Amino acid sequence: MDTTRGHRAAHDPLKGRVAGLLATALVAGGCATLPDGPVERGLYRDLTQIVETRQRTEWVVDRAEIEQASTTAMRSVCKTEPARREALAAWLDGLIAAEGGPAPEAWLRRGRDRREIDDLLTLERTRALLGYAHARAAEDCPFWLNPDPEFRGVHTSTDRLVLLLESRGAAALIRREGGWVVGGGGAGRLMPAWGLDDRLVLGVGAEVGGFGLLGEGSDGDTAIDASFTAAVPLLVRLVDGTRIWDFEAGLTTFVGEHTWPVGYRVAFGGGVATLRVGAFMPVIVVYLGYEYHPQRGPNEPMHLIGAGTRVGLDFDP
């Protein structure tokens, strides 16, 4: 049950102001996943990320969670004009209604299955956080956080240049003419990236690392054949709240006496981003990839299937 409902009704000045916009929001909310205005979209994404991040550690008491989350939310709310917050509130009210809310009623209709109302709960909690922060903005916003008509979000990369700093590690199966062998390695990379819109980030950069193959040494014992690696990755990142989906292609090679011709890599991954702390937003991705390395000198062609993790930071300078 939403324990913030009574508190919100008493203290949320948005309720009275958005009543006239509710009908429009009902129509728009049913076919839209993001608000129309760029400021509203940035604020919505920020508040949703705050709510989703807190939900991962089990959200129980609405009132307590909203109060604790409001400190983080103010970093975004204070950067938006009151009219933009009201427009977002109208949009959220319409979307909640279109999704069958309020949540307690939808829960009863859907067989008391909590999983059936997860998205609706996130919407209602986002709306409650917006109302709580808006009601206190005039009093609580620090003097150095002033509304920005070009606000695009704090916890986003929208319309800005960011640096993606990542380290990756992977285990791999390698197919050579002699059969399958096991290997693994790691790398670090730096990619300038641009948030093309609220959902799409495009990056390209450089990567260096090392890779080892398990094989048989001259004395018959197991040995590791280690090499340095380099790559030029191109990354397309799709963003959905705190969830991210990465699609990657790039050129790759082993660095040494026989570097050319270069091979190629394709990979797919999924992960999560947390909230931006200062200029840094941590990201973790689990990925699966394929690489092909052509013959280089005496080195035979190689197919590599790898799986691993990438841990990184989205740095907004």
Protein backbone atom coordinates (compact mmCIF):
# COMPACT_ATOMS: atom_id res chain seq x y z
CA MET A 1 0.00 0.00 0.00
CA ASP A 2 1.31 3.50 -0.88
CA THR A 3 1.98 5.05 2.52
CA THR A 4 2.94 8.37 0.94
CA ARG A 5 -0.52 8.88 -0.54
CA GLY A 6 -2.02 10.81 2.38
CA HIS A 7 1.15 12.76 3.00
CA ARG A 8 1.38 13.69 -0.66
CA ALA A 9 -2.22 14.84 -0.80
CA ALA A 10 -1.61 17.22 2.08
CA HIS A 11 1.70 18.65 0.92
CA ASP A 12 1.87 18.29 -2.89
CA PRO A 13 0.82 21.56 -4.55
CA LEU A 14 1.11 19.92 -7.96
CA LYS A 15 -2.21 18.12 -7.55
CA GLY A 16 -4.41 21.16 -7.94
CA ARG A 17 -2.39 22.69 -10.73
CA VAL A 18 -2.30 19.68 -13.02
CA ALA A 19 -5.98 18.74 -12.98
CA GLY A 20 -6.69 20.68 -16.17
CA LEU A 21 -3.87 18.91 -18.01
CA LEU A 22 -4.82 15.40 -16.96
CA ALA A 23 -7.03 14.63 -19.95
CA THR A 24 -4.28 15.51 -22.40
CA ALA A 25 -1.76 13.49 -20.43
CA LEU A 26 -4.06 10.47 -20.47
CA VAL A 27 -4.03 10.45 -24.26
CA ALA A 28 -0.32 11.16 -24.62
CA GLY A 29 0.76 8.88 -21.80
CA GLY A 30 -0.72 5.79 -23.37
CA CYS A 31 1.51 6.01 -26.45
CA ALA A 32 4.60 7.75 -25.06
CA THR A 33 7.41 6.34 -23.02
CA LEU A 34 9.14 9.66 -22.43
CA PRO A 35 7.72 13.18 -21.98
CA ASP A 36 7.76 15.48 -25.01
CA GLY A 37 9.82 18.33 -23.56
CA PRO A 38 13.60 17.87 -23.25
CA VAL A 39 13.70 19.36 -19.75
CA GLU A 40 10.87 17.10 -18.61
CA ARG A 41 12.61 14.10 -20.17
CA GLY A 42 15.84 14.86 -18.34
CA LEU A 43 14.07 15.29 -15.02
CA TYR A 44 11.96 12.16 -15.54
CA ARG A 45 15.01 10.04 -16.34
CA ASP A 46 16.88 11.36 -13.32
CA LEU A 47 14.04 10.66 -10.91
CA THR A 48 13.37 7.24 -12.41
CA GLN A 49 17.03 6.28 -12.04
CA ILE A 50 16.98 7.35 -8.41
CA VAL A 51 13.88 5.25 -7.75
CA GLU A 52 15.15 2.21 -9.67
CA THR A 53 18.50 2.33 -7.89
CA ARG A 54 16.82 2.36 -4.48
CA GLN A 55 14.42 -0.39 -5.50
CA ARG A 56 17.35 -2.73 -6.13
CA THR A 57 18.07 -2.73 -2.38
CA GLU A 58 14.40 -3.48 -1.59
CA TRP A 59 11.96 -0.62 -1.30
CA VAL A 60 9.58 -1.18 1.64
CA VAL A 61 8.28 1.96 3.35
CA ASP A 62 7.33 4.62 0.78
CA ARG A 63 7.51 7.57 3.16
CA ALA A 64 11.02 6.72 4.39
CA GLU A 65 12.34 5.93 0.92
CA ILE A 66 10.94 9.14 -0.59
CA GLU A 67 12.39 11.28 2.18
CA GLN A 68 15.84 9.70 1.86
CA ALA A 69 15.81 9.89 -1.94
CA SER A 70 14.78 13.55 -1.95
CA THR A 71 18.28 14.78 -1.13
CA THR A 72 19.60 13.20 -4.32
CA ALA A 73 16.55 14.30 -6.29
CA MET A 74 17.06 17.95 -5.37
CA ARG A 75 20.21 18.00 -7.51
CA SER A 76 17.88 17.62 -10.50
CA VAL A 77 14.66 19.25 -9.28
CA CYS A 78 16.39 22.49 -8.31
CA LYS A 79 17.78 22.78 -11.85
CA THR A 80 14.29 22.84 -13.39
CA GLU A 81 11.65 25.55 -13.44
CA PRO A 82 8.40 24.92 -11.51
CA ALA A 83 6.37 24.90 -14.73
CA ARG A 84 8.48 22.08 -16.12
CA ARG A 85 7.96 20.04 -12.95
CA GLU A 86 4.22 20.60 -13.21
CA ALA A 87 4.22 19.47 -16.83
CA LEU A 88 6.07 16.30 -15.86
CA ALA A 89 3.61 15.70 -13.02
CA ALA A 90 0.70 15.91 -15.48
CA TRP A 91 2.38 13.47 -17.82
CA LEU A 92 3.07 11.02 -14.99
CA ASP A 93 -0.50 11.25 -13.68
CA GLY A 94 -1.81 10.42 -17.13
CA LEU A 95 0.61 7.55 -17.61
CA ILE A 96 -0.20 6.07 -14.21
CA ALA A 97 -3.91 6.14 -15.05
CA ALA A 98 -3.29 4.61 -18.46
CA GLU A 99 -1.29 1.81 -16.83
CA GLY A 100 -4.24 0.93 -14.59
CA GLY A 101 -3.25 2.76 -11.42
CA PRO A 102 -3.47 3.38 -8.57
CA ALA A 103 -1.20 0.43 -7.79
CA PRO A 104 -3.22 -1.06 -4.88
CA GLU A 105 -6.28 -1.35 -7.12
CA ALA A 106 -4.26 -2.79 -10.02
CA TRP A 107 -2.70 -5.31 -7.62
CA LEU A 108 -6.13 -6.59 -6.64
CA ARG A 109 -7.32 -6.77 -10.25
CA ARG A 110 -4.20 -8.66 -11.34
CA GLY A 111 -4.48 -11.47 -8.83
CA ARG A 112 -2.34 -9.93 -6.09
CA ASP A 113 0.75 -10.63 -8.18
CA ARG A 114 3.41 -8.08 -7.29
CA ARG A 115 5.33 -8.70 -10.51
CA GLU A 116 2.33 -7.53 -12.53
CA ILE A 117 2.55 -4.03 -11.06
CA ASP A 118 6.32 -3.49 -10.88
CA ASP A 119 6.37 -0.86 -13.63
CA LEU A 120 3.32 0.87 -12.18
CA LEU A 121 4.93 1.02 -8.74
CA THR A 122 8.03 2.62 -10.26
CA LEU A 123 5.87 5.25 -11.94
CA GLU A 124 3.97 6.03 -8.74
CA ARG A 125 7.16 6.25 -6.70
CA THR A 126 8.71 8.55 -9.30
CA ARG A 127 5.60 10.73 -9.14
CA ALA A 128 5.68 10.76 -5.34
CA LEU A 129 9.36 11.74 -5.32
CA LEU A 130 8.68 14.55 -7.79
CA GLY A 131 5.80 15.91 -5.69
CA TYR A 132 7.76 15.69 -2.44
CA ALA A 133 10.82 17.48 -3.87
CA HIS A 134 8.75 20.09 -5.70
CA ALA A 135 6.88 21.00 -2.53
CA ARG A 136 10.17 21.70 -0.76
CA ALA A 137 12.20 23.17 -3.61
CA ALA A 138 11.55 26.84 -2.81
CA GLU A 139 12.78 26.35 0.76
CA ASP A 140 15.42 23.64 0.37
CA CYS A 141 17.18 24.37 -2.95
CA PRO A 142 20.66 25.85 -2.30
CA PHE A 143 21.35 29.23 -3.80
CA TRP A 144 23.90 27.89 -6.29
CA LEU A 145 21.42 25.47 -7.93
CA ASN A 146 19.34 27.66 -10.21
CA PRO A 147 16.85 26.53 -12.89
CA ASP A 148 18.49 25.83 -16.24
CA PRO A 149 16.24 26.12 -19.33
CA GLU A 150 18.69 23.78 -21.14
CA PHE A 151 18.60 21.11 -18.40
CA ARG A 152 18.99 17.61 -19.84
CA GLY A 153 19.49 15.59 -16.68
CA VAL A 154 22.24 14.89 -14.16
CA HIS A 155 22.34 11.10 -14.41
CA THR A 156 22.26 11.01 -18.21
CA SER A 157 24.60 11.56 -21.14
CA THR A 158 22.01 13.35 -23.28
CA ASP A 159 23.34 16.11 -25.55
CA ARG A 160 26.78 16.05 -24.00
CA LEU A 161 30.28 14.73 -24.61
CA VAL A 162 31.38 12.17 -22.02
CA LEU A 163 34.40 9.92 -21.60
CA LEU A 164 33.82 6.20 -21.06
CA LEU A 165 36.67 4.72 -19.03
CA GLU A 166 36.36 0.94 -18.84
CA SER A 167 38.28 -2.15 -17.89
CA ARG A 168 37.22 -5.54 -19.18
CA GLY A 169 38.05 -9.13 -18.42
CA ALA A 170 37.02 -12.24 -20.31
CA ALA A 171 37.44 -15.98 -20.58
CA ALA A 172 37.44 -17.40 -24.09
CA LEU A 173 37.31 -20.47 -26.27
CA ILE A 174 39.68 -20.22 -29.24
CA ARG A 175 39.40 -22.23 -32.42
CA ARG A 176 42.65 -22.82 -34.31
CA GLU A 177 43.66 -25.40 -36.88
CA GLY A 178 44.74 -27.71 -34.07
CA GLY A 179 41.35 -27.54 -32.35
CA TRP A 180 39.83 -25.66 -29.43
CA VAL A 181 41.95 -24.16 -26.66
CA VAL A 182 41.12 -22.03 -23.62
CA GLY A 183 42.34 -18.51 -23.03
CA GLY A 184 41.55 -15.27 -21.32
CA GLY A 185 42.67 -11.75 -20.81
CA GLY A 186 41.84 -8.20 -19.91
CA ALA A 187 42.09 -4.70 -21.28
CA GLY A 188 41.48 -1.08 -20.53
CA ARG A 189 39.94 1.43 -22.87
CA LEU A 190 39.07 5.08 -23.26
CA MET A 191 36.22 6.20 -25.49
CA PRO A 192 34.90 9.69 -26.10
CA ALA A 193 31.13 9.34 -26.54
CA TRP A 194 28.18 11.58 -27.34
CA GLY A 195 24.63 11.23 -26.07
CA LEU A 196 22.73 11.60 -29.33
CA ASP A 197 19.37 11.64 -27.53
CA ASP A 198 17.72 10.33 -24.38
CA ARG A 199 18.21 6.70 -25.38
CA LEU A 200 21.28 6.49 -27.59
CA VAL A 201 24.98 7.00 -26.84
CA LEU A 202 27.64 6.55 -29.52
CA GLY A 203 31.33 6.15 -28.68
CA VAL A 204 34.62 5.28 -30.37
CA GLY A 205 38.07 4.99 -28.82
CA ALA A 206 41.17 2.93 -28.17
CA GLU A 207 41.83 -0.21 -26.15
CA VAL A 208 45.03 -1.93 -25.01
CA GLY A 209 45.41 -5.12 -23.01
CA GLY A 210 46.82 -8.59 -22.81
CA PHE A 211 45.68 -12.09 -23.72
CA GLY A 212 46.91 -15.56 -22.90
CA LEU A 213 46.35 -18.99 -24.46
CA LEU A 214 46.74 -22.25 -22.60
CA GLY A 215 48.97 -24.60 -24.54
CA GLU A 216 51.72 -27.14 -24.28
CA GLY A 217 55.27 -26.03 -23.62
CA SER A 218 58.44 -27.52 -25.06
CA ASP A 219 58.79 -29.80 -22.03
CA GLY A 220 55.25 -31.12 -22.41
CA ASP A 221 53.82 -29.18 -19.46
CA THR A 222 50.97 -26.70 -19.67
CA ALA A 223 52.17 -23.25 -20.67
CA ILE A 224 50.62 -19.85 -21.29
CA ASP A 225 51.27 -18.07 -24.57
CA ALA A 226 50.80 -14.40 -23.70
CA SER A 227 50.45 -11.48 -26.10
CA PHE A 228 49.64 -7.80 -25.99
CA THR A 229 46.45 -6.73 -27.73
CA ALA A 230 45.07 -3.52 -29.20
CA ALA A 231 41.66 -2.58 -30.56
CA VAL A 232 39.62 0.31 -31.90
CA PRO A 233 36.06 -0.29 -30.63
CA LEU A 234 32.89 1.42 -31.84
CA LEU A 235 30.13 1.31 -29.22
CA VAL A 236 26.38 1.89 -29.57
CA ARG A 237 24.72 2.06 -26.13
CA LEU A 238 20.94 1.96 -25.71
CA VAL A 239 19.65 3.37 -22.43
CA ASP A 240 16.43 2.40 -20.67
CA GLY A 241 16.35 3.89 -17.17
CA THR A 242 19.21 2.30 -15.26
CA ARG A 243 19.43 -0.56 -17.76
CA ILE A 244 21.88 -0.34 -20.66
CA TRP A 245 22.38 -2.47 -23.76
CA ASP A 246 25.68 -2.35 -25.61
CA PHE A 247 26.35 -3.26 -29.24
CA GLU A 248 30.00 -3.19 -30.24
CA ALA A 249 32.06 -3.64 -33.39
CA GLY A 250 35.71 -2.92 -33.86
CA LEU A 251 39.13 -3.71 -35.27
CA THR A 252 41.51 -5.77 -33.15
CA THR A 253 44.98 -7.28 -33.34
CA PHE A 254 47.80 -8.86 -31.36
CA VAL A 255 50.69 -6.46 -30.97
CA GLY A 256 54.13 -7.74 -31.90
CA GLU A 257 56.20 -8.78 -34.85
CA HIS A 258 53.14 -9.81 -36.86
CA THR A 259 50.41 -7.22 -36.31
CA TRP A 260 48.85 -6.94 -39.76
CA PRO A 261 46.33 -7.61 -41.15
CA VAL A 262 43.99 -6.70 -38.34
CA GLY A 263 40.98 -8.75 -37.30
CA TYR A 264 37.54 -7.72 -36.19
CA ARG A 265 35.26 -8.05 -33.16
CA VAL A 266 31.50 -7.97 -32.59
CA ALA A 267 29.95 -8.10 -29.12
CA PHE A 268 26.68 -7.66 -27.29
CA GLY A 269 26.19 -6.86 -23.60
CA GLY A 270 23.68 -5.81 -21.00
CA GLY A 271 24.14 -4.13 -17.66
CA VAL A 272 23.22 -1.34 -15.31
CA ALA A 273 24.29 2.20 -14.59
CA THR A 274 24.05 3.76 -11.15
CA LEU A 275 23.67 7.41 -10.17
CA ARG A 276 26.26 9.99 -11.12
CA VAL A 277 28.47 10.90 -8.16
CA GLY A 278 30.16 14.19 -8.91
CA ALA A 279 31.20 13.84 -12.54
CA PHE A 280 31.31 10.03 -12.52
CA MET A 281 28.55 7.51 -13.21
CA PRO A 282 29.58 3.86 -12.59
CA VAL A 283 28.54 1.22 -15.12
CA ILE A 284 28.82 -2.59 -15.18
CA VAL A 285 28.12 -4.76 -18.23
CA VAL A 286 28.13 -8.52 -18.86
CA TYR A 287 28.95 -9.27 -22.49
CA LEU A 288 29.43 -12.00 -25.08
CA GLY A 289 31.64 -11.45 -28.10
CA TYR A 290 33.22 -13.00 -31.16
CA GLU A 291 36.59 -12.14 -32.72
CA TYR A 292 38.26 -13.28 -35.91
CA HIS A 293 41.99 -12.94 -36.41
CA PRO A 294 43.35 -13.67 -39.91
CA GLN A 295 46.68 -15.36 -40.55
CA ARG A 296 49.60 -13.15 -39.60
CA GLY A 297 52.96 -14.47 -40.67
CA PRO A 298 53.37 -17.95 -39.17
CA ASN A 299 50.33 -17.46 -36.90
CA GLU A 300 47.33 -19.39 -38.15
CA PRO A 301 43.82 -17.87 -38.35
CA MET A 302 41.91 -17.84 -35.08
CA HIS A 303 38.26 -17.66 -34.04
CA LEU A 304 37.59 -16.49 -30.51
CA ILE A 305 34.34 -16.67 -28.52
CA GLY A 306 34.60 -14.76 -25.23
CA ALA A 307 32.41 -13.83 -22.31
CA GLY A 308 33.17 -11.51 -19.45
CA THR A 309 32.45 -8.24 -17.73
CA ARG A 310 33.20 -4.59 -18.30
CA VAL A 311 33.35 -2.21 -15.38
CA GLY A 312 33.64 1.46 -16.08
CA LEU A 313 32.82 5.08 -15.48
CA ASP A 314 30.87 7.56 -17.54
CA PHE A 315 32.82 10.78 -16.92
CA ASP A 316 31.16 14.10 -17.65
CA PRO A 317 33.95 16.70 -17.73
